[in-house]
Amino acid sequence: MQNSDSFRRLITGVRFDCDKFKRDSQLFQINKREECENSSDENLNDCEQMTGEKSVKKASKKMSKAKLRNIETERINRLRRMNRVTIKGEDIPKPIESFAALEKYGASETLLENIEKVGYKQPTPVQMEAMPLMIQKRELICCAPTGSGKTLAFLIPLVIQLRKPEKCGFRAIILAPTRELAKQIHRECLLLVDGIGLRVHLIKNVHIAKKKFGTNSKLKFDILVTTPKRLVYLLQEEPPAINIQNIEWLVIDECDKLFETGFREQLSVIYKACENSTSVCRALFSATFDKELETWFQLHLDNVVTLIIGGKNRAADSVEQKLLFVGSEEGKTMALKDLIASGLETPVLIFVANIGKAKKLFKDLTFSGISSDVIHSERTQEERDDIVRRFRAGKIWFLICTELMGRGIDFKGVNILINYDLPKSATAYIHRIGRTGRAGREGKAITFFTENEIKYIRSVVNVMRRSGSEVPQYLLEMASAKRKLLRKPNKSNKDSKKMKKQRNNSKNQKIKVNRLTKISELDLNLGIFIDDENNFIHKIAFCFII
């Protein structure tokens, strides 16, 4: 510091004469330029070196990001394989692996608290995959086993999408094939929207609904849960007794049942009523549907995603399935009473084929002093509601029912299900046994069959094998042999058919001979006769004199 200060003092006031020292000045400029050039080259090299290092860092970052994406993709694929998830569509979002993760999708704290209050801790595979799809407003076809959590899989996204109450009428409709299932969905939905303010309505009585949802209403409702028939009744009133032009979501539960004959016409009316709403999205859920139905959905839905959990038309793995041969119809009652005497863990659901059998079995069990009741379509709605309530409360130990209760109804405490009559199809069997072993709990299904029912057993056996249940090989062979026997006509039938054919041939020959006589009388130049060897008519021209 001192040397520089001394030098500054010495040159103070000194001026450099450029004209006098022009040559020295030029030399100084050249040297300065060379120094600058040299320094600039060095700086350029340094700059290039720094740029190269930065590009390498950027490339490595890109590589690391791509690698991380690949690792995450592989992890998700592994999770889906473990959960036996098949998903088809474009731009599939990642699964939601915890309910807490719903917060970043817009779920309120109140909704998350309600989910926890109800007792749901971890999303099931169908919930993991269906929730992000519906939150993104993707149209969805979902096939998942009974008791896998499909109801919550569509209710949570609806609550997130609708967010808060509005005065524009219904914005979401949930359709179910039976009133019992509609009531169950309504009850689950009320638990989720508690404290959020969304108004959920169930059509219990169409006459009350006409006044409540008609043209003079204040449109203070958000979600409608109903059966198709009741909604169609209101839509076909003049003027329509309900407005669904602002619908954002149309959810169809047990969609394969609702697309059967009868329900399909009702759905068509509802679809047309929703056409005025430009933003309507559709989601269809069921435990079973066939290839034809899936093709129809893909043709009529926009940008649809198909989600299948565990394979189509499969029973839940949590249900232990057994077949019990009882010989005859009388043997069914004896076998049931033996099972009850052995100490079945109640409550128990018993499925029968029709109302007549349900009534008869109820009388037999009541006469034996067994706490039971029966539910079918001939009972009033009040009676059915009371029976379901008492069965849930454990006041009824054995509930006898028809196919009315075969779909969607969630009895969480049912330990054992008995198919008193063998279901006629794999679909009916899957839905019946789905009333037990729900939400991950273990359940047991026992199916009676008689000698006359062996012809229907093959479809049931195939379902059992697909779900991992052990089935004796002789049952498959027995079913196959029985079917062949039914298709193969017996010898007596063959003989009777042969005799009938011979009689018909002899009649035809007589008719032809009579025709010969008539024709020979009319035309002398044309003769007709029967060729016995070849059994057909020859025409020949000859001269015949009567």
Protein backbone atom coordinates (compact mmCIF):
# COMPACT_ATOMS: atom_id res chain seq x y z
CA MET A 1 0.00 0.00 0.00
CA GLN A 2 2.87 2.46 0.89
CA ASN A 3 4.72 1.90 -2.45
CA SER A 4 1.63 2.58 -4.48
CA ASP A 5 0.93 5.76 -2.49
CA SER A 6 4.50 7.01 -3.06
CA PHE A 7 4.26 6.35 -6.80
CA ARG A 8 0.92 8.18 -6.99
CA ARG A 9 2.51 11.25 -5.33
CA LEU A 10 5.47 11.23 -7.76
CA ILE A 11 3.31 11.24 -10.93
CA THR A 12 0.84 13.80 -9.64
CA GLY A 13 0.56 16.64 -12.22
CA VAL A 14 2.67 14.80 -14.85
CA ARG A 15 1.13 14.66 -18.32
CA PHE A 16 2.17 12.26 -21.12
CA ASP A 17 2.96 14.02 -24.42
CA CYS A 18 1.63 11.70 -27.14
CA ASP A 19 3.10 13.73 -30.03
CA LYS A 20 6.62 13.76 -28.57
CA PHE A 21 6.52 10.08 -27.60
CA LYS A 22 4.37 8.92 -30.55
CA ARG A 23 6.56 5.94 -31.36
CA ASP A 24 6.58 4.75 -27.77
CA SER A 25 2.84 5.29 -27.64
CA GLN A 26 2.25 3.10 -30.69
CA LEU A 27 4.43 0.37 -29.25
CA PHE A 28 2.46 0.56 -26.02
CA GLN A 29 -0.86 0.23 -27.89
CA ILE A 30 0.38 -2.82 -29.84
CA ASN A 31 1.55 -4.51 -26.68
CA LYS A 32 -1.69 -3.63 -24.97
CA ARG A 33 -3.69 -5.07 -27.89
CA GLU A 34 -1.68 -8.28 -27.83
CA GLU A 35 -2.21 -8.58 -24.11
CA CYS A 36 -5.92 -7.99 -24.60
CA GLU A 37 -6.04 -10.57 -27.39
CA ASN A 38 -4.15 -13.06 -25.31
CA SER A 39 -6.34 -12.39 -22.31
CA SER A 40 -9.49 -12.61 -24.43
CA ASP A 41 -8.36 -15.96 -25.86
CA GLU A 42 -7.73 -17.20 -22.37
CA ASN A 43 -11.13 -15.88 -21.23
CA LEU A 44 -12.78 -17.51 -24.24
CA ASN A 45 -11.15 -20.82 -23.46
CA ASP A 46 -12.21 -20.45 -19.84
CA CYS A 47 -15.72 -19.55 -20.98
CA GLU A 48 -15.90 -22.52 -23.32
CA GLN A 49 -14.66 -24.75 -20.56
CA MET A 50 -17.27 -23.37 -18.16
CA THR A 51 -20.02 -23.74 -20.79
CA GLY A 52 -18.99 -27.33 -21.40
CA GLU A 53 -19.12 -28.07 -17.69
CA LYS A 54 -22.57 -26.49 -17.44
CA SER A 55 -23.87 -28.49 -20.41
CA VAL A 56 -22.52 -31.68 -18.85
CA LYS A 57 -24.27 -30.78 -15.59
CA LYS A 58 -27.51 -30.05 -17.45
CA ALA A 59 -27.23 -33.30 -19.39
CA SER A 60 -26.58 -35.22 -16.20
CA LYS A 61 -29.59 -33.53 -14.59
CA LYS A 62 -31.73 -34.49 -17.58
CA MET A 63 -30.43 -38.02 -17.41
CA SER A 64 -31.13 -38.21 -13.71
CA LYS A 65 -34.67 -36.85 -14.21
CA ALA A 66 -35.34 -39.38 -16.96
CA LYS A 67 -33.92 -42.12 -14.77
CA LEU A 68 -36.12 -41.04 -11.87
CA ARG A 69 -39.16 -41.05 -14.14
CA ASN A 70 -38.33 -44.55 -15.32
CA ILE A 71 -37.87 -45.74 -11.75
CA GLU A 72 -41.23 -44.21 -10.74
CA THR A 73 -42.96 -45.72 -13.79
CA GLU A 74 -41.53 -49.14 -12.97
CA ARG A 75 -42.65 -48.81 -9.34
CA ILE A 76 -46.21 -47.94 -10.42
CA ASN A 77 -46.27 -50.84 -12.89
CA ARG A 78 -45.08 -53.17 -10.14
CA LEU A 79 -47.84 -51.87 -7.82
CA ARG A 80 -50.45 -52.43 -10.53
CA ARG A 81 -49.22 -55.94 -11.21
CA MET A 82 -49.37 -56.71 -7.49
CA ASN A 83 -52.97 -55.38 -7.33
CA ARG A 84 -53.83 -57.17 -10.59
CA VAL A 85 -54.86 -53.93 -12.27
CA THR A 86 -55.55 -53.77 -16.01
CA ILE A 87 -56.05 -50.25 -17.34
CA LYS A 88 -56.61 -49.16 -20.94
CA GLY A 89 -56.66 -45.58 -22.19
CA GLU A 90 -54.54 -42.53 -22.90
CA ASP A 91 -52.75 -40.24 -20.41
CA ILE A 92 -53.37 -42.46 -17.40
CA PRO A 93 -52.62 -40.60 -14.13
CA LYS A 94 -50.66 -42.11 -11.27
CA PRO A 95 -52.67 -44.00 -8.62
CA ILE A 96 -53.51 -42.24 -5.35
CA GLU A 97 -51.78 -44.38 -2.74
CA SER A 98 -53.12 -42.67 0.41
CA PHE A 99 -56.17 -40.62 1.30
CA ALA A 100 -53.85 -37.84 2.54
CA ALA A 101 -52.60 -37.47 -1.06
CA LEU A 102 -56.11 -36.29 -2.04
CA GLU A 103 -55.24 -32.88 -0.57
CA LYS A 104 -53.19 -31.93 -3.62
CA TYR A 105 -56.18 -32.85 -5.80
CA GLY A 106 -58.36 -30.31 -4.01
CA ALA A 107 -59.87 -32.39 -1.20
CA SER A 108 -60.88 -30.27 1.79
CA GLU A 109 -59.73 -30.99 5.34
CA THR A 110 -63.35 -31.72 6.27
CA LEU A 111 -63.60 -34.44 3.62
CA LEU A 112 -60.34 -36.05 4.77
CA GLU A 113 -61.60 -35.99 8.37
CA ASN A 114 -64.91 -37.58 7.29
CA ILE A 115 -63.04 -40.36 5.48
CA GLU A 116 -61.07 -41.04 8.65
CA LYS A 117 -64.22 -40.94 10.83
CA VAL A 118 -65.95 -43.54 8.67
CA GLY A 119 -62.98 -45.83 9.26
CA TYR A 120 -61.25 -45.88 5.89
CA LYS A 121 -57.48 -45.96 6.37
CA GLN A 122 -55.94 -47.00 3.05
CA PRO A 123 -57.40 -46.84 -0.48
CA THR A 124 -58.24 -50.16 -2.10
CA PRO A 125 -56.86 -50.88 -5.62
CA VAL A 126 -60.06 -49.74 -7.33
CA GLN A 127 -60.06 -46.51 -5.29
CA MET A 128 -56.37 -45.85 -6.05
CA GLU A 129 -57.00 -45.99 -9.80
CA ALA A 130 -60.57 -44.68 -10.20
CA MET A 131 -60.28 -41.57 -8.00
CA PRO A 132 -57.57 -39.70 -9.99
CA LEU A 133 -59.35 -40.53 -13.27
CA MET A 134 -62.67 -39.10 -12.12
CA ILE A 135 -61.00 -36.07 -10.52
CA GLN A 136 -59.55 -35.34 -13.99
CA LYS A 137 -63.10 -35.70 -15.42
CA ARG A 138 -62.29 -38.78 -17.48
CA GLU A 139 -65.13 -41.05 -18.59
CA LEU A 140 -64.67 -44.43 -16.96
CA ILE A 141 -65.72 -48.08 -17.21
CA CYS A 142 -64.75 -49.96 -14.06
CA CYS A 143 -65.03 -53.67 -13.33
CA ALA A 144 -63.94 -54.72 -9.82
CA PRO A 145 -64.89 -57.60 -7.50
CA THR A 146 -67.79 -57.28 -5.08
CA GLY A 147 -66.80 -55.70 -1.76
CA SER A 148 -63.72 -53.99 -3.24
CA GLY A 149 -64.82 -50.42 -2.42
CA LYS A 150 -66.39 -49.25 -5.71
CA THR A 151 -68.94 -46.98 -3.97
CA LEU A 152 -66.27 -44.90 -2.25
CA ALA A 153 -64.24 -44.90 -5.48
CA PHE A 154 -66.86 -42.71 -7.18
CA LEU A 155 -68.29 -40.81 -4.18
CA ILE A 156 -64.99 -39.18 -3.10
CA PRO A 157 -64.21 -37.72 -6.59
CA LEU A 158 -67.77 -36.39 -6.84
CA VAL A 159 -67.43 -34.53 -3.54
CA ILE A 160 -64.03 -33.11 -4.61
CA GLN A 161 -65.38 -32.05 -8.03
CA LEU A 162 -68.55 -30.37 -6.77
CA ARG A 163 -66.63 -28.64 -3.91
CA LYS A 164 -69.46 -26.52 -2.46
CA PRO A 165 -73.24 -26.12 -2.76
CA GLU A 166 -74.70 -24.09 -5.62
CA LYS A 167 -78.19 -22.96 -6.62
CA CYS A 168 -78.30 -24.45 -10.12
CA GLY A 169 -80.04 -27.77 -9.45
CA PHE A 170 -78.58 -31.25 -9.48
CA ARG A 171 -75.00 -31.53 -10.70
CA ALA A 172 -74.48 -35.27 -10.16
CA ILE A 173 -76.81 -38.26 -10.54
CA ILE A 174 -76.05 -41.74 -9.18
CA LEU A 175 -78.25 -44.55 -10.56
CA ALA A 176 -78.70 -47.95 -8.90
CA PRO A 177 -80.89 -50.91 -9.96
CA THR A 178 -82.69 -51.36 -6.60
CA ARG A 179 -84.05 -49.06 -3.91
CA GLU A 180 -82.05 -50.91 -1.26
CA LEU A 181 -78.78 -50.22 -3.06
CA ALA A 182 -79.78 -46.59 -3.71
CA LYS A 183 -80.44 -46.11 0.02
CA GLN A 184 -77.08 -47.60 0.90
CA ILE A 185 -75.25 -45.24 -1.50
CA HIS A 186 -77.24 -42.29 -0.11
CA ARG A 187 -76.24 -43.21 3.44
CA GLU A 188 -72.53 -43.48 2.51
CA CYS A 189 -72.66 -40.15 0.68
CA LEU A 190 -74.20 -38.34 3.66
CA LEU A 191 -71.29 -39.46 5.84
CA LEU A 192 -68.76 -38.02 3.38
CA VAL A 193 -70.43 -34.60 2.88
CA ASP A 194 -71.00 -33.97 6.59
CA GLY A 195 -69.89 -30.38 7.28
CA ILE A 196 -69.15 -29.63 3.61
CA GLY A 197 -72.62 -28.36 2.77
CA LEU A 198 -73.38 -30.43 -0.34
CA ARG A 199 -77.04 -31.49 -0.41
CA VAL A 200 -77.67 -35.17 -1.21
CA HIS A 201 -81.20 -36.31 -2.05
CA LEU A 202 -82.85 -39.72 -2.43
CA ILE A 203 -86.15 -40.12 -4.28
CA LYS A 204 -88.28 -42.08 -1.80
CA ASN A 205 -91.69 -41.00 -3.06
CA VAL A 206 -92.29 -39.61 -6.55
CA HIS A 207 -95.26 -37.47 -5.46
CA ILE A 208 -93.21 -35.74 -2.77
CA ALA A 209 -90.33 -35.42 -5.25
CA LYS A 210 -92.60 -33.63 -7.77
CA LYS A 211 -93.25 -30.86 -5.26
CA LYS A 212 -89.68 -30.80 -3.98
CA PHE A 213 -87.79 -30.76 -7.32
CA GLY A 214 -90.42 -29.20 -9.60
CA THR A 215 -90.36 -25.94 -11.56
CA ASN A 216 -91.13 -23.85 -8.46
CA SER A 217 -88.21 -25.25 -6.46
CA LYS A 218 -85.25 -23.06 -5.46
CA LEU A 219 -82.76 -25.55 -6.95
CA LYS A 220 -81.02 -26.04 -3.60
CA PHE A 221 -79.69 -29.52 -4.27
CA ASP A 222 -76.46 -31.02 -5.62
CA ILE A 223 -76.39 -34.85 -5.71
CA LEU A 224 -79.30 -37.16 -6.59
CA VAL A 225 -79.32 -40.89 -5.76
CA THR A 226 -82.17 -42.89 -7.28
CA THR A 227 -83.35 -45.84 -9.33
CA PRO A 228 -83.88 -45.19 -13.08
CA LYS A 229 -87.64 -45.84 -12.99
CA ARG A 230 -88.39 -43.09 -10.47
CA LEU A 231 -86.25 -40.54 -12.28
CA VAL A 232 -87.88 -41.38 -15.63
CA TYR A 233 -91.33 -40.90 -14.08
CA LEU A 234 -90.39 -37.35 -13.04
CA LEU A 235 -88.78 -36.56 -16.41
CA GLN A 236 -91.86 -37.66 -18.37
CA GLU A 237 -94.24 -35.38 -16.47
CA GLU A 238 -95.60 -32.32 -18.33
CA PRO A 239 -93.77 -30.10 -17.63
CA PRO A 240 -90.85 -32.25 -16.34
CA ALA A 241 -90.95 -32.44 -12.54
CA ILE A 242 -87.15 -32.35 -12.28
CA ASN A 243 -84.41 -30.38 -14.01
CA ILE A 244 -81.16 -32.20 -14.85
CA GLN A 245 -79.80 -29.83 -17.51
CA ASN A 246 -76.84 -28.78 -15.35
CA ILE A 247 -75.59 -32.30 -14.73
CA GLU A 248 -71.81 -32.66 -14.57
CA TRP A 249 -71.65 -36.35 -13.59
CA LEU A 250 -73.81 -39.37 -14.39
CA VAL A 251 -72.65 -42.41 -12.38
CA ILE A 252 -74.23 -45.82 -13.02
CA ASP A 253 -73.66 -48.48 -10.38
CA GLU A 254 -74.20 -52.15 -11.33
CA CYS A 255 -74.19 -50.98 -14.95
CA ASP A 256 -74.50 -54.48 -16.47
CA LYS A 257 -77.87 -54.91 -14.74
CA LEU A 258 -79.09 -51.48 -15.82
CA PHE A 259 -78.25 -52.22 -19.46
CA GLU A 260 -80.53 -55.26 -19.51
CA THR A 261 -83.89 -55.16 -21.28
CA GLY A 262 -86.32 -52.90 -19.41
CA PHE A 263 -83.68 -50.82 -17.68
CA ARG A 264 -82.07 -49.93 -21.03
CA GLU A 265 -85.12 -47.97 -22.21
CA GLN A 266 -85.16 -46.02 -18.94
CA LEU A 267 -81.47 -45.18 -19.30
CA SER A 268 -82.12 -43.93 -22.82
CA VAL A 269 -84.65 -41.39 -21.49
CA ILE A 270 -82.18 -40.20 -18.82
CA TYR A 271 -79.33 -39.93 -21.37
CA LYS A 272 -81.46 -37.74 -23.64
CA ALA A 273 -82.46 -35.50 -20.73
CA CYS A 274 -78.75 -34.99 -19.94
CA GLU A 275 -77.81 -34.12 -23.53
CA ASN A 276 -78.48 -30.41 -22.95
CA SER A 277 -75.62 -30.40 -20.46
CA THR A 278 -72.42 -29.95 -22.48
CA SER A 279 -70.06 -30.94 -19.67
CA VAL A 280 -71.60 -34.22 -18.51
CA CYS A 281 -69.15 -37.07 -17.77
CA ARG A 282 -70.18 -40.67 -17.29
CA ALA A 283 -68.73 -43.36 -15.04
CA LEU A 284 -69.97 -46.95 -15.02
CA PHE A 285 -69.19 -49.47 -12.28
CA SER A 286 -69.95 -53.17 -11.83
CA ALA A 287 -68.49 -56.47 -10.69
CA THR A 288 -69.43 -58.15 -13.98
CA PHE A 289 -69.92 -57.25 -17.61
CA ASP A 290 -69.38 -59.03 -20.91
CA LYS A 291 -67.33 -58.12 -23.99
CA GLU A 292 -70.37 -56.89 -25.93
CA LEU A 293 -71.25 -54.38 -23.21
CA GLU A 294 -67.64 -53.18 -22.98
CA THR A 295 -67.57 -52.60 -26.76
CA TRP A 296 -70.79 -50.57 -26.56
CA PHE A 297 -69.32 -48.39 -23.80
CA GLN A 298 -66.14 -47.73 -25.78
CA LEU A 299 -68.15 -46.67 -28.83
CA HIS A 300 -70.51 -44.32 -26.97
CA LEU A 301 -68.21 -42.73 -24.36
CA ASP A 302 -65.61 -40.02 -25.05
CA ASN A 303 -61.91 -40.60 -24.32
CA VAL A 304 -62.95 -43.52 -22.13
CA VAL A 305 -60.66 -45.41 -19.76
CA THR A 306 -61.32 -49.09 -19.01
CA LEU A 307 -60.28 -50.18 -15.52
CA ILE A 308 -60.37 -53.86 -14.50
CA ILE A 309 -59.32 -55.05 -11.04
CA GLY A 310 -58.42 -58.72 -10.69
CA GLY A 311 -59.92 -59.77 -14.02
CA LYS A 312 -63.45 -59.56 -15.37
CA ASN A 313 -66.22 -61.66 -13.85
CA ARG A 314 -64.17 -62.91 -10.91
CA ALA A 315 -65.22 -63.53 -7.33
CA ALA A 316 -63.39 -61.87 -4.46
CA ASP A 317 -60.37 -63.82 -3.19
CA SER A 318 -61.47 -63.17 0.40
CA VAL A 319 -64.44 -65.56 0.03
CA GLU A 320 -63.93 -69.26 0.73
CA GLN A 321 -66.22 -71.16 -1.66
CA LYS A 322 -67.62 -74.66 -1.19
CA LEU A 323 -70.06 -76.89 -3.07
CA LEU A 324 -72.36 -79.31 -1.22
CA PHE A 325 -74.29 -82.07 -3.01
CA VAL A 326 -77.68 -82.62 -1.32
CA GLY A 327 -79.31 -85.10 -3.72
CA SER A 328 -82.83 -83.66 -4.03
CA GLU A 329 -84.93 -80.61 -3.12
CA GLU A 330 -85.92 -82.23 0.18
CA GLY A 331 -82.24 -82.71 0.96
CA LYS A 332 -81.66 -78.94 0.86
CA THR A 333 -83.78 -78.26 3.95
CA MET A 334 -82.16 -81.14 5.82
CA ALA A 335 -78.66 -79.96 4.87
CA LEU A 336 -79.46 -76.39 5.96
CA LYS A 337 -80.78 -77.50 9.35
CA ASP A 338 -77.69 -79.69 9.84
CA LEU A 339 -75.42 -76.70 9.13
CA ILE A 340 -77.38 -74.53 11.57
CA ALA A 341 -77.18 -77.26 14.22
CA SER A 342 -73.40 -77.50 13.72
CA GLY A 343 -73.09 -73.88 14.89
CA LEU A 344 -72.90 -71.48 11.95
CA GLU A 345 -71.46 -68.06 12.76
CA THR A 346 -74.36 -65.65 12.31
CA PRO A 347 -75.63 -63.50 10.63
CA VAL A 348 -76.21 -65.67 7.55
CA LEU A 349 -77.72 -64.79 4.16
CA ILE A 350 -79.67 -67.53 2.35
CA PHE A 351 -80.43 -67.10 -1.36
CA VAL A 352 -83.31 -68.93 -3.04
CA ALA A 353 -84.53 -69.01 -6.65
CA ASN A 354 -88.00 -67.47 -6.28
CA ILE A 355 -90.55 -65.96 -3.91
CA GLY A 356 -92.47 -69.24 -3.47
CA LYS A 357 -89.40 -71.08 -2.21
CA ALA A 358 -88.49 -68.13 0.03
CA LYS A 359 -91.88 -68.25 1.75
CA LYS A 360 -91.77 -72.03 2.17
CA LEU A 361 -88.26 -72.03 3.66
CA PHE A 362 -89.22 -69.20 6.03
CA LYS A 363 -92.14 -71.27 7.35
CA ASP A 364 -89.89 -74.32 7.82
CA LEU A 365 -87.25 -72.37 9.77
CA THR A 366 -89.85 -70.53 11.87
CA PHE A 367 -91.54 -73.85 12.73
CA SER A 368 -88.13 -75.15 13.87
CA GLY A 369 -87.73 -72.12 16.17
CA ILE A 370 -84.90 -70.51 14.18
CA SER A 371 -84.69 -66.69 14.25
CA SER A 372 -85.18 -65.82 10.58
CA ASP A 373 -87.03 -63.52 8.20
CA VAL A 374 -87.63 -63.25 4.47
CA ILE A 375 -87.26 -60.33 2.05
CA HIS A 376 -88.60 -60.22 -1.51
CA SER A 377 -90.38 -57.88 -3.93
CA GLU A 378 -93.89 -58.70 -2.63
CA ARG A 379 -93.12 -57.14 0.75
CA THR A 380 -93.77 -53.41 1.16
CA GLN A 381 -90.92 -50.94 1.15
CA GLU A 382 -91.44 -50.22 4.85
CA GLU A 383 -91.24 -53.93 5.66
CA ARG A 384 -88.08 -54.35 3.58
CA ASP A 385 -86.41 -51.35 5.23
CA ASP A 386 -87.28 -52.67 8.68
CA ILE A 387 -85.94 -56.15 7.86
CA VAL A 388 -82.63 -54.75 6.56
CA ARG A 389 -82.32 -52.54 9.67
CA ARG A 390 -82.95 -55.46 12.06
CA PHE A 391 -80.57 -57.71 10.13
CA ARG A 392 -77.81 -55.08 10.36
CA ALA A 393 -78.50 -54.76 14.10
CA GLY A 394 -78.11 -58.53 14.60
CA LYS A 395 -81.75 -59.12 15.56
CA ILE A 396 -82.25 -61.49 12.60
CA TRP A 397 -79.80 -64.39 12.42
CA PHE A 398 -80.87 -65.92 9.10
CA LEU A 399 -82.19 -63.74 6.29
CA ILE A 400 -83.82 -65.53 3.34
CA CYS A 401 -83.80 -63.49 0.14
CA THR A 402 -84.24 -63.63 -3.62
CA GLU A 403 -82.12 -61.93 -6.32
CA LEU A 404 -83.50 -58.62 -5.01
CA MET A 405 -80.64 -58.55 -2.49
CA GLY A 406 -78.08 -60.06 -4.83
CA ARG A 407 -76.46 -56.82 -5.97
CA GLY A 408 -74.54 -54.10 -4.22
CA ILE A 409 -76.03 -54.37 -0.72
CA ASP A 410 -73.25 -54.11 1.84
CA PHE A 411 -73.80 -56.18 4.98
CA LYS A 412 -70.41 -55.78 6.64
CA GLY A 413 -71.07 -58.40 9.31
CA VAL A 414 -72.19 -61.29 7.09
CA ASN A 415 -69.83 -64.20 7.74
CA ILE A 416 -71.55 -66.96 5.78
CA LEU A 417 -73.68 -67.00 2.66
CA ILE A 418 -75.68 -70.03 1.56
CA ASN A 419 -76.90 -70.56 -2.01
CA TYR A 420 -79.93 -72.71 -1.19
CA ASP A 421 -80.69 -72.86 -4.93
CA LEU A 422 -77.85 -73.01 -7.44
CA PRO A 423 -77.56 -69.76 -9.46
CA LYS A 424 -78.30 -70.23 -13.16
CA SER A 425 -75.36 -68.07 -14.33
CA ALA A 426 -71.84 -67.13 -13.30
CA THR A 427 -72.88 -63.47 -13.03
CA ALA A 428 -75.64 -64.23 -10.51
CA TYR A 429 -73.25 -66.43 -8.52
CA ILE A 430 -70.54 -63.73 -8.36
CA HIS A 431 -72.99 -61.08 -7.14
CA ARG A 432 -74.58 -63.38 -4.57
CA ILE A 433 -71.37 -64.50 -2.89
CA GLY A 434 -70.18 -60.89 -2.96
CA ARG A 435 -72.48 -60.17 0.00
CA THR A 436 -69.82 -61.74 2.24
CA GLY A 437 -66.07 -61.22 2.47
CA ARG A 438 -66.40 -57.47 1.92
CA ALA A 439 -63.78 -54.73 2.47
CA GLY A 440 -60.97 -57.24 2.94
CA ARG A 441 -62.78 -59.36 5.55
CA GLU A 442 -62.89 -63.14 5.27
CA GLY A 443 -66.17 -64.77 4.26
CA LYS A 444 -67.56 -68.16 3.36
CA ALA A 445 -70.02 -69.20 0.64
CA ILE A 446 -71.69 -72.64 0.61
CA THR A 447 -73.65 -73.65 -2.49
CA PHE A 448 -76.15 -76.52 -2.48
CA PHE A 449 -76.81 -78.47 -5.66
CA THR A 450 -79.02 -81.41 -6.56
CA GLU A 451 -78.87 -84.00 -9.32
CA ASN A 452 -81.22 -81.87 -11.45
CA GLU A 453 -78.98 -78.81 -11.02
CA ILE A 454 -75.74 -80.46 -12.20
CA LYS A 455 -76.29 -79.05 -15.70
CA TYR A 456 -75.83 -75.50 -14.28
CA ILE A 457 -72.82 -76.25 -12.12
CA ARG A 458 -70.08 -75.82 -14.72
CA SER A 459 -70.31 -71.99 -14.77
CA VAL A 460 -70.12 -71.89 -10.96
CA VAL A 461 -67.15 -74.26 -10.92
CA ASN A 462 -65.29 -72.10 -13.45
CA VAL A 463 -65.74 -69.02 -11.24
CA MET A 464 -64.45 -70.96 -8.25
CA ARG A 465 -61.36 -72.12 -10.13
CA ARG A 466 -60.55 -68.62 -11.41
CA SER A 467 -60.66 -67.26 -7.85
CA GLY A 468 -58.32 -69.97 -6.56
CA SER A 469 -60.85 -72.25 -4.84
CA GLU A 470 -60.22 -75.98 -4.98
CA VAL A 471 -62.75 -77.90 -7.05
CA PRO A 472 -62.74 -81.70 -7.45
CA GLN A 473 -62.21 -82.73 -11.07
CA TYR A 474 -65.17 -85.12 -10.94
CA LEU A 475 -67.53 -82.14 -10.65
CA LEU A 476 -66.36 -80.76 -13.98
CA GLU A 477 -66.58 -84.19 -15.58
CA MET A 478 -70.02 -84.74 -14.06
CA ALA A 479 -71.29 -81.41 -15.41
CA SER A 480 -69.86 -82.13 -18.86
CA ALA A 481 -71.37 -85.64 -18.97
CA LYS A 482 -74.77 -84.34 -17.82
CA ARG A 483 -74.82 -81.70 -20.56
CA LYS A 484 -73.93 -84.27 -23.25
CA LEU A 485 -76.66 -86.56 -21.96
CA LEU A 486 -79.22 -83.76 -22.15
CA ARG A 487 -78.19 -82.92 -25.71
CA LYS A 488 -78.12 -86.58 -26.89
CA PRO A 489 -81.59 -87.97 -27.80
CA ASN A 490 -82.36 -91.46 -26.48
CA LYS A 491 -82.98 -94.51 -28.68
CA SER A 492 -86.75 -94.53 -28.21
CA ASN A 493 -86.91 -90.93 -29.38
CA LYS A 494 -84.85 -91.89 -32.44
CA ASP A 495 -87.16 -94.82 -33.23
CA SER A 496 -90.29 -92.72 -32.85
CA LYS A 497 -88.84 -90.06 -35.15
CA LYS A 498 -87.95 -92.74 -37.75
CA MET A 499 -91.48 -94.21 -37.68
CA LYS A 500 -92.98 -90.75 -38.01
CA LYS A 501 -90.78 -90.06 -41.03
CA GLN A 502 -91.87 -93.33 -42.70
CA ARG A 503 -95.55 -92.49 -42.16
CA ASN A 504 -95.00 -89.07 -43.71
CA ASN A 505 -93.27 -90.67 -46.72
CA SER A 506 -96.12 -93.13 -47.28
CA LYS A 507 -98.62 -90.26 -47.13
CA ASN A 508 -96.62 -88.34 -49.70
CA GLN A 509 -96.57 -91.40 -52.00
CA LYS A 510 -100.37 -91.75 -51.81
CA ILE A 511 -100.78 -88.08 -52.63
CA LYS A 512 -98.48 -88.46 -55.63
CA VAL A 513 -100.38 -91.55 -56.92
CA ASN A 514 -103.67 -89.69 -56.65
CA ARG A 515 -102.12 -86.85 -58.62
CA LEU A 516 -101.08 -89.42 -61.24
CA THR A 517 -104.63 -90.59 -61.70
CA LYS A 518 -105.96 -87.05 -62.06
CA ILE A 519 -103.24 -85.96 -64.43
CA SER A 520 -103.59 -89.12 -66.58
CA GLU A 521 -107.27 -88.40 -66.97
CA LEU A 522 -106.53 -84.85 -68.11
CA ASP A 523 -103.46 -85.35 -70.27
CA LEU A 524 -103.09 -88.51 -72.33
CA ASN A 525 -99.54 -87.64 -73.39
CA LEU A 526 -98.14 -87.12 -69.81
CA GLY A 527 -97.60 -89.91 -67.36
CA ILE A 528 -96.28 -89.71 -63.77
CA PHE A 529 -95.07 -92.56 -61.57
CA ILE A 530 -93.09 -93.13 -58.37
CA ASP A 531 -89.57 -94.49 -58.61
CA ASP A 532 -89.29 -96.66 -55.47
CA GLU A 533 -85.52 -96.89 -55.63
CA ASN A 534 -84.72 -93.18 -55.87
CA ASN A 535 -87.90 -91.94 -54.17
CA PHE A 536 -88.59 -89.06 -56.50
CA ILE A 537 -91.08 -88.31 -59.27
CA HIS A 538 -90.18 -88.84 -62.91
CA LYS A 539 -92.06 -87.19 -65.71
CA ILE A 540 -92.12 -89.03 -69.04
CA ALA A 541 -94.03 -88.54 -72.25
CA PHE A 542 -95.89 -91.61 -73.48
CA CYS A 543 -99.13 -92.64 -75.07
CA PHE A 544 -101.70 -93.79 -72.58
CA ILE A 545 -105.14 -94.99 -73.54
CA ILE A 546 -107.79 -94.81 -70.85
